[in-house]
């Protein structure tokens, strides 16, 4: 999300630099994202009272994380 904000501010060169610097750490970020989502689901299931809004939000965040993890893998197939 950071590079998108930098691009919208006109700092596209800085956004590209940050993107290339953080690329080797992508597997670490993926593992951390899955771990935090797992912890969130664990805490949600552990509580006695279920909240429908929390369940919807947790599902939406999970879908977004999965999409953000899949996009870099599929990008070469759709790039010109």
C-alpha atoms as a PDB file:
ATOM      1  CA  UNK A   1       0.000   0.000   0.000  1.00  0.00           C
ATOM      2  CA  UNK A   2       2.938   2.322   0.660  1.00  0.00           C
ATOM      3  CA  UNK A   3       4.140   2.476  -2.958  1.00  0.00           C
ATOM      4  CA  UNK A   4       0.605   3.312  -4.138  1.00  0.00           C
ATOM      5  CA  UNK A   5       0.500   6.277  -1.769  1.00  0.00           C
ATOM      6  CA  UNK A   6       3.936   7.431  -2.934  1.00  0.00           C
ATOM      7  CA  UNK A   7       2.903   7.179  -6.593  1.00  0.00           C
ATOM      8  CA  UNK A   8      -0.221   9.248  -5.911  1.00  0.00           C
ATOM      9  CA  UNK A   9       2.012  11.908  -4.327  1.00  0.00           C
ATOM     10  CA  UNK A  10       4.239  11.966  -7.398  1.00  0.00           C
ATOM     11  CA  UNK A  11       7.182  10.086  -5.923  1.00  0.00           C
ATOM     12  CA  UNK A  12       7.101   7.218  -8.425  1.00  0.00           C
ATOM     13  CA  UNK A  13      10.887   6.711  -8.411  1.00  0.00           C
ATOM     14  CA  UNK A  14      10.885   6.352  -4.643  1.00  0.00           C
ATOM     15  CA  UNK A  15       7.951   3.952  -4.831  1.00  0.00           C
ATOM     16  CA  UNK A  16       9.784   1.772  -7.352  1.00  0.00           C
ATOM     17  CA  UNK A  17      12.895   1.751  -5.165  1.00  0.00           C
ATOM     18  CA  UNK A  18      10.960   0.682  -2.092  1.00  0.00           C
ATOM     19  CA  UNK A  19       9.209  -2.021  -4.133  1.00  0.00           C
ATOM     20  CA  UNK A  20      12.466  -3.485  -5.400  1.00  0.00           C
ATOM     21  CA  UNK A  21      14.162  -3.295  -2.011  1.00  0.00           C
ATOM     22  CA  UNK A  22      11.338  -5.155  -0.240  1.00  0.00           C
ATOM     23  CA  UNK A  23      10.875  -7.833  -2.935  1.00  0.00           C
ATOM     24  CA  UNK A  24      13.255 -10.361  -1.310  1.00  0.00           C
ATOM     25  CA  UNK A  25      11.206 -10.168   1.890  1.00  0.00           C
ATOM     26  CA  UNK A  26       7.889 -11.060   0.185  1.00  0.00           C
ATOM     27  CA  UNK A  27       7.844 -14.659   1.545  1.00  0.00           C
ATOM     28  CA  UNK A  28       8.419 -13.339   5.074  1.00  0.00           C
ATOM     29  CA  UNK A  29       5.541 -10.880   4.714  1.00  0.00           C
ATOM     30  CA  UNK A  30       3.303 -13.662   3.383  1.00  0.00           C
ATOM     31  CA  UNK A  31       4.126 -15.912   6.339  1.00  0.00           C
ATOM     32  CA  UNK A  32       3.509 -13.078   8.802  1.00  0.00           C
ATOM     33  CA  UNK A  33       0.183 -12.241   7.138  1.00  0.00           C
ATOM     34  CA  UNK A  34      -1.020 -15.832   7.328  1.00  0.00           C
ATOM     35  CA  UNK A  35       0.163 -16.102  10.943  1.00  0.00           C
ATOM     36  CA  UNK A  36      -1.679 -12.930  11.974  1.00  0.00           C
ATOM     37  CA  UNK A  37      -4.832 -14.044  10.150  1.00  0.00           C
ATOM     38  CA  UNK A  38      -4.642 -17.415  11.867  1.00  0.00           C
ATOM     39  CA  UNK A  39      -4.248 -15.723  15.240  1.00  0.00           C
ATOM     40  CA  UNK A  40      -7.235 -13.484  14.467  1.00  0.00           C
ATOM     41  CA  UNK A  41      -9.415 -16.463  13.527  1.00  0.00           C
ATOM     42  CA  UNK A  42      -8.264 -18.288  16.660  1.00  0.00           C
ATOM     43  CA  UNK A  43      -9.240 -15.346  18.877  1.00  0.00           C
ATOM     44  CA  UNK A  44     -12.557 -14.941  17.072  1.00  0.00           C
ATOM     45  CA  UNK A  45     -13.460 -18.609  17.518  1.00  0.00           C
ATOM     46  CA  UNK A  46     -12.282 -18.606  21.128  1.00  0.00           C
ATOM     47  CA  UNK A  47     -14.649 -15.832  22.239  1.00  0.00           C
ATOM     48  CA  UNK A  48     -18.075 -16.938  23.349  1.00  0.00           C
ATOM     49  CA  UNK A  49     -20.232 -14.314  21.637  1.00  0.00           C
ATOM     50  CA  UNK A  50     -20.040 -14.228  17.833  1.00  0.00           C
ATOM     51  CA  UNK A  51     -20.350 -10.893  16.068  1.00  0.00           C
ATOM     52  CA  UNK A  52     -21.539 -10.984  12.449  1.00  0.00           C
ATOM     53  CA  UNK A  53     -19.720  -7.739  11.552  1.00  0.00           C
ATOM     54  CA  UNK A  54     -16.436  -9.104  12.857  1.00  0.00           C
ATOM     55  CA  UNK A  55     -16.892 -12.287  10.859  1.00  0.00           C
ATOM     56  CA  UNK A  56     -17.598 -10.338   7.657  1.00  0.00           C
ATOM     57  CA  UNK A  57     -14.613  -8.062   8.211  1.00  0.00           C
ATOM     58  CA  UNK A  58     -12.299 -10.976   8.921  1.00  0.00           C
ATOM     59  CA  UNK A  59     -13.486 -12.743   5.761  1.00  0.00           C
ATOM     60  CA  UNK A  60     -12.968  -9.619   3.649  1.00  0.00           C
ATOM     61  CA  UNK A  61      -9.459  -9.087   5.004  1.00  0.00           C
ATOM     62  CA  UNK A  62      -8.604 -12.733   4.331  1.00  0.00           C
ATOM     63  CA  UNK A  63      -9.764 -12.428   0.720  1.00  0.00           C
ATOM     64  CA  UNK A  64      -7.728  -9.236   0.271  1.00  0.00           C
ATOM     65  CA  UNK A  65      -4.585 -10.843   1.688  1.00  0.00           C
ATOM     66  CA  UNK A  66      -4.992 -13.856  -0.598  1.00  0.00           C
ATOM     67  CA  UNK A  67      -5.437 -11.575  -3.616  1.00  0.00           C
ATOM     68  CA  UNK A  68      -2.398  -9.478  -2.692  1.00  0.00           C
ATOM     69  CA  UNK A  69      -0.333 -12.655  -2.364  1.00  0.00           C
ATOM     70  CA  UNK A  70      -1.531 -14.067  -5.716  1.00  0.00           C
ATOM     71  CA  UNK A  71      -1.200 -10.901  -7.849  1.00  0.00           C
ATOM     72  CA  UNK A  72       2.645 -10.908  -8.041  1.00  0.00           C
ATOM     73  CA  UNK A  73       2.587 -14.559  -9.098  1.00  0.00           C
ATOM     74  CA  UNK A  74       0.020 -14.013 -11.867  1.00  0.00           C
ATOM     75  CA  UNK A  75       1.384 -10.673 -13.073  1.00  0.00           C
ATOM     76  CA  UNK A  76       3.882 -12.087 -15.640  1.00  0.00           C
ATOM     77  CA  UNK A  77       1.068 -13.942 -17.406  1.00  0.00           C
ATOM     78  CA  UNK A  78      -0.939 -10.758 -18.006  1.00  0.00           C
ATOM     79  CA  UNK A  79       1.870  -8.245 -18.625  1.00  0.00           C
ATOM     80  CA  UNK A  80       2.651  -7.300 -22.184  1.00  0.00           C
END
